[in-house]
């Protein structure tokens, strides 16, 4: 969330404020266990209860019901803590330091800083093909930038991000700037 300054006021809502503690816990747990992984490590009934609680929170958000959001967010915080405890007590291992997991367009990807972590992490991944090293990503990035369009664009527009990739075979137009 954007920090408020004298120049940039933040549009705050009570529901948004009620969700912030839950967001912090979710980010912490997903950083510790991986995105979506913790729910796969616990017994099915516990995973189902957690999913049901998340749906009830989503319903409260859609209904713009602040009291229900506050209540359901507190339930989900306790749910994250219960999942964490159950997975730990079952002997499951958290991700090593230097392993990050993120969801993009419905698919969970995991990036390992250290190549030695890939096989350990891939064993628990929903799809081992989506576990890569930072070095692999940089190799692909360097190949992707080979036509220099990306690097030129990012140089001209500092802070720009790549949001989509389109097949440009056969196109070799000059950049008009």
N, C-alpha and C. Protein backbone atom coordinates (compact mmCIF):
# COMPACT_ATOMS: atom_id res chain seq x y z
N UNK A 1 0.84 -1.18 0.00
CA UNK A 1 0.00 0.00 0.00
C UNK A 1 0.89 1.24 0.00
N UNK A 2 0.46 2.26 -0.68
CA UNK A 2 1.19 3.50 -0.79
C UNK A 2 1.20 4.22 0.56
N UNK A 3 2.34 4.77 0.93
CA UNK A 3 2.44 5.53 2.17
C UNK A 3 1.93 6.96 1.93
N UNK A 4 1.25 7.50 2.92
CA UNK A 4 0.72 8.86 2.81
C UNK A 4 1.83 9.87 3.03
N UNK A 5 1.87 10.86 2.19
CA UNK A 5 2.78 11.99 2.37
C UNK A 5 1.97 13.26 2.16
N UNK A 6 2.60 14.39 2.36
CA UNK A 6 1.89 15.66 2.17
C UNK A 6 1.41 15.80 0.73
N UNK A 7 2.18 15.23 -0.22
CA UNK A 7 1.80 15.37 -1.63
C UNK A 7 0.87 14.25 -2.11
N UNK A 8 0.92 13.08 -1.50
CA UNK A 8 0.16 11.94 -2.01
C UNK A 8 -0.72 11.33 -0.94
N UNK A 9 -1.92 11.84 -0.75
CA UNK A 9 -2.81 11.25 0.24
C UNK A 9 -3.25 9.86 -0.21
N UNK A 10 -3.42 8.97 0.73
CA UNK A 10 -3.85 7.61 0.44
C UNK A 10 -5.35 7.51 0.66
N UNK A 11 -6.04 6.91 -0.32
CA UNK A 11 -7.46 6.66 -0.16
C UNK A 11 -7.61 5.45 0.75
N UNK A 12 -7.97 5.68 1.97
CA UNK A 12 -8.10 4.60 2.95
C UNK A 12 -9.59 4.33 3.15
N UNK A 13 -9.88 3.06 3.30
CA UNK A 13 -11.25 2.66 3.59
C UNK A 13 -11.22 1.80 4.84
N UNK A 14 -12.28 1.78 5.59
CA UNK A 14 -12.33 0.90 6.77
C UNK A 14 -12.12 -0.57 6.41
N UNK A 15 -12.69 -1.02 5.30
CA UNK A 15 -12.51 -2.42 4.91
C UNK A 15 -11.05 -2.68 4.55
N UNK A 16 -10.43 -1.77 3.82
CA UNK A 16 -9.01 -1.91 3.50
C UNK A 16 -8.15 -1.96 4.75
N UNK A 17 -8.45 -1.09 5.69
CA UNK A 17 -7.70 -1.09 6.96
C UNK A 17 -7.91 -2.40 7.71
N UNK A 18 -9.13 -2.95 7.67
CA UNK A 18 -9.41 -4.21 8.38
C UNK A 18 -8.67 -5.38 7.74
N UNK A 19 -8.38 -5.28 6.45
CA UNK A 19 -7.71 -6.38 5.75
C UNK A 19 -6.19 -6.33 5.86
N UNK A 20 -5.63 -5.17 6.23
CA UNK A 20 -4.16 -5.04 6.28
C UNK A 20 -3.49 -6.06 7.19
N UNK A 21 -3.97 -6.29 8.42
CA UNK A 21 -3.31 -7.30 9.27
C UNK A 21 -3.36 -8.70 8.64
N UNK A 22 -4.47 -9.03 8.01
CA UNK A 22 -4.59 -10.33 7.34
C UNK A 22 -3.60 -10.41 6.18
N UNK A 23 -3.49 -9.35 5.41
CA UNK A 23 -2.55 -9.34 4.29
C UNK A 23 -1.12 -9.56 4.77
N UNK A 24 -0.75 -8.93 5.87
CA UNK A 24 0.61 -9.11 6.41
C UNK A 24 0.85 -10.57 6.79
N UNK A 25 -0.13 -11.20 7.45
CA UNK A 25 0.02 -12.60 7.85
C UNK A 25 0.10 -13.49 6.60
N UNK A 26 -0.75 -13.25 5.61
CA UNK A 26 -0.75 -14.06 4.39
C UNK A 26 0.59 -13.95 3.66
N UNK A 27 1.12 -12.75 3.55
CA UNK A 27 2.41 -12.55 2.89
C UNK A 27 3.52 -13.27 3.66
N UNK A 28 3.47 -13.17 4.99
CA UNK A 28 4.46 -13.86 5.82
C UNK A 28 4.40 -15.37 5.61
N UNK A 29 3.20 -15.94 5.65
CA UNK A 29 3.05 -17.39 5.52
C UNK A 29 3.41 -17.87 4.11
N UNK A 30 3.02 -17.11 3.09
CA UNK A 30 3.36 -17.52 1.73
C UNK A 30 4.85 -17.38 1.47
N UNK A 31 5.50 -16.42 2.13
CA UNK A 31 6.94 -16.31 2.03
C UNK A 31 7.64 -17.46 2.72
N UNK A 32 7.07 -17.90 3.80
CA UNK A 32 7.65 -18.99 4.60
C UNK A 32 7.43 -20.36 3.94
N UNK A 33 6.22 -20.59 3.40
CA UNK A 33 5.85 -21.90 2.90
C UNK A 33 5.72 -21.98 1.38
N UNK A 34 5.51 -20.84 0.72
CA UNK A 34 5.25 -20.83 -0.72
C UNK A 34 3.78 -20.56 -0.97
N UNK A 35 3.47 -19.96 -2.11
CA UNK A 35 2.10 -19.60 -2.46
C UNK A 35 1.29 -20.87 -2.70
N UNK A 36 0.22 -21.04 -1.94
CA UNK A 36 -0.67 -22.18 -2.10
C UNK A 36 -0.15 -23.49 -1.54
N UNK A 37 1.10 -23.53 -1.11
CA UNK A 37 1.70 -24.79 -0.66
C UNK A 37 1.20 -25.21 0.71
N UNK A 38 1.04 -24.27 1.61
CA UNK A 38 0.67 -24.61 2.98
C UNK A 38 -0.65 -25.37 3.03
N UNK A 39 -1.61 -24.96 2.22
CA UNK A 39 -2.90 -25.64 2.19
C UNK A 39 -2.78 -27.08 1.70
N UNK A 40 -1.76 -27.38 0.89
CA UNK A 40 -1.56 -28.75 0.42
C UNK A 40 -0.85 -29.63 1.45
N UNK A 41 -0.27 -29.02 2.48
CA UNK A 41 0.50 -29.78 3.47
C UNK A 41 -0.32 -30.22 4.68
N UNK A 42 -1.51 -29.68 4.81
CA UNK A 42 -2.33 -29.98 5.99
C UNK A 42 -3.42 -30.99 5.61
N UNK A 43 -4.08 -31.60 6.62
CA UNK A 43 -5.16 -32.54 6.31
C UNK A 43 -6.27 -31.87 5.48
N UNK A 44 -6.93 -32.66 4.62
CA UNK A 44 -7.96 -32.10 3.73
C UNK A 44 -9.06 -31.34 4.46
N UNK A 45 -9.49 -31.82 5.65
CA UNK A 45 -10.56 -31.11 6.34
C UNK A 45 -10.12 -29.72 6.78
N UNK A 46 -8.86 -29.60 7.19
CA UNK A 46 -8.34 -28.29 7.60
C UNK A 46 -8.23 -27.36 6.39
N UNK A 47 -7.74 -27.89 5.27
CA UNK A 47 -7.64 -27.08 4.05
C UNK A 47 -9.03 -26.62 3.60
N UNK A 48 -10.02 -27.49 3.72
CA UNK A 48 -11.39 -27.15 3.31
C UNK A 48 -11.97 -26.06 4.21
N UNK A 49 -11.73 -26.16 5.51
CA UNK A 49 -12.22 -25.12 6.44
C UNK A 49 -11.59 -23.78 6.14
N UNK A 50 -10.28 -23.79 5.83
CA UNK A 50 -9.58 -22.56 5.50
C UNK A 50 -10.16 -21.95 4.23
N UNK A 51 -10.40 -22.78 3.22
CA UNK A 51 -10.97 -22.31 1.96
C UNK A 51 -12.37 -21.74 2.18
N UNK A 52 -13.16 -22.40 3.01
CA UNK A 52 -14.50 -21.91 3.32
C UNK A 52 -14.44 -20.55 4.02
N UNK A 53 -13.51 -20.40 4.94
CA UNK A 53 -13.35 -19.12 5.64
C UNK A 53 -12.95 -18.02 4.67
N UNK A 54 -12.08 -18.35 3.72
CA UNK A 54 -11.66 -17.36 2.72
C UNK A 54 -12.85 -16.94 1.86
N UNK A 55 -13.70 -17.90 1.47
CA UNK A 55 -14.89 -17.58 0.68
C UNK A 55 -15.86 -16.70 1.46
N UNK A 56 -16.02 -16.97 2.74
CA UNK A 56 -16.90 -16.15 3.58
C UNK A 56 -16.37 -14.72 3.68
N UNK A 57 -15.05 -14.57 3.77
CA UNK A 57 -14.46 -13.23 3.78
C UNK A 57 -14.73 -12.54 2.44
N UNK A 58 -14.52 -13.25 1.34
CA UNK A 58 -14.78 -12.66 0.02
C UNK A 58 -16.23 -12.22 -0.12
N UNK A 59 -17.16 -13.02 0.43
CA UNK A 59 -18.57 -12.63 0.40
C UNK A 59 -18.80 -11.34 1.19
N UNK A 60 -18.18 -11.24 2.36
CA UNK A 60 -18.33 -10.04 3.19
C UNK A 60 -17.76 -8.82 2.49
N UNK A 61 -16.64 -8.99 1.79
CA UNK A 61 -16.04 -7.88 1.04
C UNK A 61 -16.99 -7.45 -0.08
N UNK A 62 -17.52 -8.44 -0.83
CA UNK A 62 -18.46 -8.12 -1.92
C UNK A 62 -19.69 -7.39 -1.38
N UNK A 63 -20.15 -7.79 -0.17
CA UNK A 63 -21.33 -7.17 0.42
C UNK A 63 -21.02 -5.83 1.10
N UNK A 64 -19.74 -5.48 1.13
CA UNK A 64 -19.30 -4.24 1.77
C UNK A 64 -19.75 -4.19 3.24
N UNK A 65 -19.65 -5.34 3.91
CA UNK A 65 -20.09 -5.51 5.29
C UNK A 65 -18.88 -5.44 6.22
N UNK A 66 -18.62 -4.25 6.75
CA UNK A 66 -17.42 -4.03 7.55
C UNK A 66 -17.34 -4.95 8.75
N UNK A 67 -18.43 -5.09 9.50
CA UNK A 67 -18.39 -5.95 10.68
C UNK A 67 -18.04 -7.40 10.31
N UNK A 68 -18.62 -7.89 9.24
CA UNK A 68 -18.33 -9.26 8.80
C UNK A 68 -16.89 -9.38 8.31
N UNK A 69 -16.39 -8.35 7.60
CA UNK A 69 -15.00 -8.38 7.13
C UNK A 69 -14.05 -8.46 8.31
N UNK A 70 -14.29 -7.63 9.33
CA UNK A 70 -13.44 -7.64 10.53
C UNK A 70 -13.44 -9.02 11.16
N UNK A 71 -14.62 -9.59 11.32
CA UNK A 71 -14.75 -10.90 11.94
C UNK A 71 -14.09 -12.00 11.10
N UNK A 72 -14.36 -12.01 9.80
CA UNK A 72 -13.83 -13.06 8.92
C UNK A 72 -12.32 -12.92 8.74
N UNK A 73 -11.81 -11.70 8.73
CA UNK A 73 -10.36 -11.49 8.64
C UNK A 73 -9.67 -12.06 9.87
N UNK A 74 -10.25 -11.86 11.04
CA UNK A 74 -9.68 -12.42 12.27
C UNK A 74 -9.69 -13.95 12.22
N UNK A 75 -10.76 -14.52 11.68
CA UNK A 75 -10.84 -15.98 11.55
C UNK A 75 -9.73 -16.48 10.62
N UNK A 76 -9.50 -15.78 9.51
CA UNK A 76 -8.47 -16.21 8.57
C UNK A 76 -7.06 -16.06 9.15
N UNK A 77 -6.84 -15.04 9.96
CA UNK A 77 -5.53 -14.90 10.62
C UNK A 77 -5.29 -16.12 11.50
N UNK A 78 -6.29 -16.50 12.28
CA UNK A 78 -6.15 -17.71 13.11
C UNK A 78 -6.01 -18.95 12.23
N UNK A 79 -6.67 -18.95 11.09
CA UNK A 79 -6.55 -20.06 10.16
C UNK A 79 -5.14 -20.22 9.62
N UNK A 80 -4.52 -19.11 9.21
CA UNK A 80 -3.12 -19.16 8.75
C UNK A 80 -2.22 -19.71 9.85
N UNK A 81 -2.44 -19.25 11.07
CA UNK A 81 -1.62 -19.71 12.19
C UNK A 81 -1.83 -21.20 12.45
N UNK A 82 -3.06 -21.68 12.32
CA UNK A 82 -3.35 -23.10 12.52
C UNK A 82 -2.72 -23.95 11.41
N UNK A 83 -2.78 -23.48 10.18
CA UNK A 83 -2.15 -24.20 9.08
C UNK A 83 -0.64 -24.29 9.30
N UNK A 84 -0.04 -23.18 9.69
CA UNK A 84 1.40 -23.13 9.96
C UNK A 84 1.77 -24.14 11.04
N UNK A 85 1.01 -24.15 12.12
CA UNK A 85 1.28 -25.06 13.24
C UNK A 85 1.13 -26.51 12.80
N UNK A 86 0.07 -26.81 12.08
CA UNK A 86 -0.19 -28.19 11.65
C UNK A 86 0.91 -28.70 10.71
N UNK A 87 1.32 -27.86 9.77
CA UNK A 87 2.38 -28.27 8.83
C UNK A 87 3.70 -28.47 9.55
N UNK A 88 4.00 -27.59 10.49
CA UNK A 88 5.24 -27.71 11.26
C UNK A 88 5.22 -28.98 12.11
N UNK A 89 4.10 -29.23 12.78
CA UNK A 89 4.00 -30.41 13.64
C UNK A 89 4.03 -31.71 12.81
N UNK A 90 3.61 -31.64 11.56
CA UNK A 90 3.65 -32.82 10.69
C UNK A 90 5.05 -33.05 10.12
N UNK A 91 5.97 -32.14 10.43
CA UNK A 91 7.36 -32.31 10.00
C UNK A 91 7.68 -31.73 8.64
N UNK A 92 6.76 -30.98 8.05
CA UNK A 92 7.04 -30.36 6.76
C UNK A 92 8.05 -29.24 6.94
N UNK A 93 8.86 -29.04 5.94
CA UNK A 93 9.90 -28.02 5.97
C UNK A 93 9.45 -26.77 5.24
N UNK A 94 9.79 -25.63 5.81
CA UNK A 94 9.51 -24.35 5.15
C UNK A 94 10.49 -24.18 4.01
N UNK A 95 10.22 -23.21 3.17
CA UNK A 95 11.16 -22.92 2.09
C UNK A 95 12.46 -22.39 2.68
N UNK A 96 13.58 -22.75 2.07
CA UNK A 96 14.86 -22.19 2.53
C UNK A 96 14.89 -20.68 2.27
N UNK A 97 15.76 -19.99 2.97
CA UNK A 97 15.93 -18.56 2.71
C UNK A 97 16.42 -18.40 1.28
N UNK A 98 15.94 -17.39 0.60
CA UNK A 98 16.33 -17.18 -0.79
C UNK A 98 15.44 -17.92 -1.78
N UNK A 99 14.27 -18.36 -1.34
CA UNK A 99 13.29 -18.99 -2.23
C UNK A 99 12.03 -18.13 -2.17
N UNK A 100 11.54 -17.74 -3.33
CA UNK A 100 10.36 -16.88 -3.40
C UNK A 100 9.33 -17.55 -4.27
N UNK A 101 8.09 -17.37 -3.90
CA UNK A 101 6.99 -17.96 -4.64
C UNK A 101 5.98 -16.85 -4.93
N UNK A 102 5.45 -16.86 -6.14
CA UNK A 102 4.45 -15.85 -6.51
C UNK A 102 3.47 -16.45 -7.49
N UNK A 103 2.27 -15.93 -7.46
CA UNK A 103 1.23 -16.37 -8.39
C UNK A 103 1.10 -15.33 -9.48
N UNK A 104 1.08 -15.79 -10.73
CA UNK A 104 0.93 -14.89 -11.88
C UNK A 104 -0.05 -15.55 -12.84
N UNK A 105 -1.15 -14.87 -13.11
CA UNK A 105 -2.18 -15.35 -14.04
C UNK A 105 -2.62 -16.78 -13.69
N UNK A 106 -2.79 -17.02 -12.40
CA UNK A 106 -3.33 -18.29 -11.94
C UNK A 106 -2.31 -19.41 -11.78
N UNK A 107 -1.06 -19.16 -12.09
CA UNK A 107 -0.02 -20.18 -11.96
C UNK A 107 0.98 -19.74 -10.91
N UNK A 108 1.37 -20.69 -10.05
CA UNK A 108 2.37 -20.39 -9.02
C UNK A 108 3.75 -20.71 -9.56
N UNK A 109 4.65 -19.74 -9.43
CA UNK A 109 6.05 -19.88 -9.83
C UNK A 109 6.91 -19.74 -8.59
N UNK A 110 8.00 -20.50 -8.56
CA UNK A 110 8.92 -20.42 -7.44
C UNK A 110 10.32 -20.18 -7.98
N UNK A 111 11.00 -19.20 -7.39
CA UNK A 111 12.35 -18.83 -7.81
C UNK A 111 13.31 -19.12 -6.66
N UNK A 112 14.37 -19.83 -6.98
CA UNK A 112 15.40 -20.17 -5.99
C UNK A 112 16.67 -19.39 -6.30
N UNK A 113 17.20 -18.73 -5.29
CA UNK A 113 18.46 -18.02 -5.46
C UNK A 113 19.60 -19.02 -5.63
N UNK A 114 19.58 -20.07 -4.86
CA UNK A 114 20.64 -21.07 -4.87
C UNK A 114 20.18 -22.30 -5.65
N UNK A 115 20.96 -22.71 -6.65
CA UNK A 115 20.63 -23.87 -7.48
C UNK A 115 20.43 -25.13 -6.64
N UNK A 116 21.12 -25.24 -5.52
CA UNK A 116 21.02 -26.42 -4.66
C UNK A 116 19.63 -26.59 -4.07
N UNK A 117 18.85 -25.53 -4.02
CA UNK A 117 17.50 -25.61 -3.43
C UNK A 117 16.45 -26.11 -4.41
N UNK A 118 16.75 -26.11 -5.70
CA UNK A 118 15.74 -26.42 -6.71
C UNK A 118 15.14 -27.81 -6.51
N UNK A 119 15.95 -28.82 -6.33
CA UNK A 119 15.38 -30.17 -6.22
C UNK A 119 14.55 -30.33 -4.96
N UNK A 120 14.98 -29.72 -3.85
CA UNK A 120 14.20 -29.79 -2.60
C UNK A 120 12.85 -29.11 -2.78
N UNK A 121 12.86 -27.94 -3.37
CA UNK A 121 11.64 -27.17 -3.54
C UNK A 121 10.72 -27.82 -4.57
N UNK A 122 11.29 -28.35 -5.65
CA UNK A 122 10.49 -28.95 -6.72
C UNK A 122 9.70 -30.17 -6.23
N UNK A 123 10.23 -30.89 -5.24
CA UNK A 123 9.53 -32.06 -4.71
C UNK A 123 8.17 -31.69 -4.12
N UNK A 124 8.07 -30.49 -3.55
CA UNK A 124 6.82 -30.06 -2.92
C UNK A 124 5.99 -29.14 -3.80
N UNK A 125 6.49 -28.81 -4.98
CA UNK A 125 5.79 -27.86 -5.84
C UNK A 125 4.59 -28.50 -6.52
N UNK A 126 3.55 -27.71 -6.73
CA UNK A 126 2.38 -28.19 -7.47
C UNK A 126 2.80 -28.58 -8.88
N UNK A 127 3.71 -27.83 -9.48
CA UNK A 127 4.24 -28.15 -10.80
C UNK A 127 5.74 -27.88 -10.80
N UNK A 128 6.56 -28.92 -10.71
CA UNK A 128 8.01 -28.75 -10.65
C UNK A 128 8.59 -27.96 -11.82
N UNK A 129 7.88 -27.92 -12.95
CA UNK A 129 8.37 -27.16 -14.10
C UNK A 129 8.39 -25.67 -13.83
N UNK A 130 7.66 -25.23 -12.82
CA UNK A 130 7.60 -23.81 -12.50
C UNK A 130 8.55 -23.42 -11.37
N UNK A 131 9.52 -24.28 -11.08
CA UNK A 131 10.55 -23.96 -10.09
C UNK A 131 11.83 -23.68 -10.87
N UNK A 132 12.32 -22.46 -10.76
CA UNK A 132 13.48 -22.04 -11.54
C UNK A 132 14.48 -21.31 -10.65
N UNK A 133 15.69 -21.17 -11.16
CA UNK A 133 16.68 -20.38 -10.42
C UNK A 133 16.67 -18.95 -10.94
N UNK A 134 17.20 -18.07 -10.13
CA UNK A 134 17.35 -16.68 -10.56
C UNK A 134 18.26 -16.62 -11.78
N UNK A 135 19.30 -17.46 -11.81
CA UNK A 135 20.21 -17.49 -12.96
C UNK A 135 19.47 -17.86 -14.24
N UNK A 136 18.53 -18.82 -14.16
CA UNK A 136 17.74 -19.19 -15.33
C UNK A 136 16.89 -18.02 -15.82
N UNK A 137 16.27 -17.34 -14.88
CA UNK A 137 15.45 -16.18 -15.27
C UNK A 137 16.29 -15.11 -15.95
N UNK A 138 17.47 -14.88 -15.41
CA UNK A 138 18.35 -13.87 -16.01
C UNK A 138 18.83 -14.29 -17.39
N UNK A 139 19.08 -15.57 -17.58
CA UNK A 139 19.47 -16.08 -18.89
C UNK A 139 18.35 -15.83 -19.90
N UNK A 140 17.13 -16.17 -19.52
CA UNK A 140 15.98 -15.94 -20.40
C UNK A 140 15.80 -14.44 -20.65
N UNK A 141 15.94 -13.65 -19.59
CA UNK A 141 15.79 -12.20 -19.73
C UNK A 141 16.81 -11.65 -20.71
N UNK A 142 18.06 -12.09 -20.60
CA UNK A 142 19.11 -11.62 -21.52
C UNK A 142 18.81 -12.01 -22.96
N UNK A 143 18.32 -13.24 -23.16
CA UNK A 143 17.95 -13.67 -24.50
C UNK A 143 16.77 -12.85 -25.02
N UNK A 144 15.82 -12.60 -24.15
CA UNK A 144 14.63 -11.84 -24.52
C UNK A 144 14.99 -10.41 -24.93
N UNK A 145 15.97 -9.86 -24.25
CA UNK A 145 16.40 -8.49 -24.54
C UNK A 145 17.33 -8.40 -25.74
N UNK A 146 17.65 -9.51 -26.34
CA UNK A 146 18.66 -9.53 -27.39
C UNK A 146 18.40 -8.51 -28.49
N UNK A 147 17.16 -8.23 -28.79
CA UNK A 147 16.87 -7.26 -29.84
C UNK A 147 16.97 -5.82 -29.34
N UNK A 148 17.30 -5.64 -28.08
CA UNK A 148 17.58 -4.36 -27.44
C UNK A 148 16.35 -3.47 -27.29
N UNK A 149 15.20 -3.87 -27.79
CA UNK A 149 14.00 -3.04 -27.65
C UNK A 149 13.66 -2.87 -26.17
N UNK A 150 13.72 -3.95 -25.42
CA UNK A 150 13.38 -3.88 -24.00
C UNK A 150 14.36 -2.98 -23.26
N UNK A 151 15.65 -3.20 -23.43
CA UNK A 151 16.63 -2.40 -22.69
C UNK A 151 16.57 -0.94 -23.11
N UNK A 152 16.35 -0.66 -24.39
CA UNK A 152 16.23 0.73 -24.84
C UNK A 152 15.00 1.39 -24.21
N UNK A 153 13.90 0.67 -24.20
CA UNK A 153 12.66 1.21 -23.64
C UNK A 153 12.82 1.47 -22.15
N UNK A 154 13.41 0.51 -21.42
CA UNK A 154 13.59 0.68 -19.98
C UNK A 154 14.58 1.81 -19.68
N UNK A 155 15.55 2.04 -20.57
CA UNK A 155 16.49 3.15 -20.38
C UNK A 155 15.78 4.48 -20.57
N UNK A 156 14.90 4.54 -21.57
CA UNK A 156 14.20 5.79 -21.85
C UNK A 156 13.08 6.07 -20.85
N UNK A 157 12.52 5.02 -20.28
CA UNK A 157 11.42 5.15 -19.33
C UNK A 157 11.79 4.43 -18.04
N UNK A 158 12.64 5.06 -17.20
CA UNK A 158 13.07 4.40 -15.95
C UNK A 158 11.86 3.99 -15.11
N UNK A 159 11.91 2.77 -14.62
CA UNK A 159 10.81 2.26 -13.80
C UNK A 159 9.76 1.52 -14.60
N UNK A 160 9.87 1.55 -15.94
CA UNK A 160 8.91 0.82 -16.78
C UNK A 160 9.04 -0.67 -16.50
N UNK A 161 7.94 -1.39 -16.61
CA UNK A 161 7.95 -2.84 -16.41
C UNK A 161 7.37 -3.54 -17.62
N UNK A 162 7.82 -4.76 -17.87
CA UNK A 162 7.29 -5.58 -18.95
C UNK A 162 5.99 -6.18 -18.46
N UNK A 163 4.90 -5.94 -19.18
CA UNK A 163 3.60 -6.46 -18.77
C UNK A 163 3.05 -7.51 -19.71
N UNK A 164 3.56 -7.56 -20.93
CA UNK A 164 3.13 -8.61 -21.84
C UNK A 164 4.22 -8.80 -22.89
N UNK A 165 4.17 -9.95 -23.52
CA UNK A 165 5.13 -10.29 -24.56
C UNK A 165 4.34 -10.79 -25.76
N UNK A 166 4.63 -10.24 -26.90
CA UNK A 166 3.94 -10.65 -28.11
C UNK A 166 4.98 -11.15 -29.11
N UNK A 167 4.59 -12.12 -29.90
CA UNK A 167 5.48 -12.65 -30.92
C UNK A 167 5.64 -11.59 -32.00
N UNK A 168 6.86 -11.14 -32.20
CA UNK A 168 7.10 -10.08 -33.16
C UNK A 168 7.96 -10.58 -34.32
N UNK A 169 7.88 -11.85 -34.65
CA UNK A 169 8.66 -12.38 -35.76
C UNK A 169 8.28 -11.64 -37.03
N UNK A 170 9.29 -11.28 -37.75
CA UNK A 170 9.05 -10.57 -39.01
C UNK A 170 8.97 -9.07 -38.84
N UNK A 171 8.84 -8.60 -37.61
CA UNK A 171 8.81 -7.16 -37.38
C UNK A 171 10.22 -6.69 -37.02
N UNK A 172 10.66 -5.68 -37.69
CA UNK A 172 11.98 -5.15 -37.40
C UNK A 172 11.94 -3.63 -37.55
N UNK A 173 10.83 -3.04 -37.11
CA UNK A 173 10.64 -1.61 -37.23
C UNK A 173 11.59 -0.86 -36.31
N UNK A 174 11.99 0.32 -36.76
CA UNK A 174 12.78 1.19 -35.90
C UNK A 174 11.86 1.78 -34.82
N UNK A 175 12.40 1.94 -33.64
CA UNK A 175 11.66 2.61 -32.58
C UNK A 175 11.61 4.08 -32.93
N UNK A 176 10.43 4.70 -32.92
CA UNK A 176 10.28 6.07 -33.41
C UNK A 176 10.71 7.14 -32.43
N UNK A 177 11.71 6.89 -31.62
CA UNK A 177 12.21 7.93 -30.70
C UNK A 177 13.69 7.80 -30.52
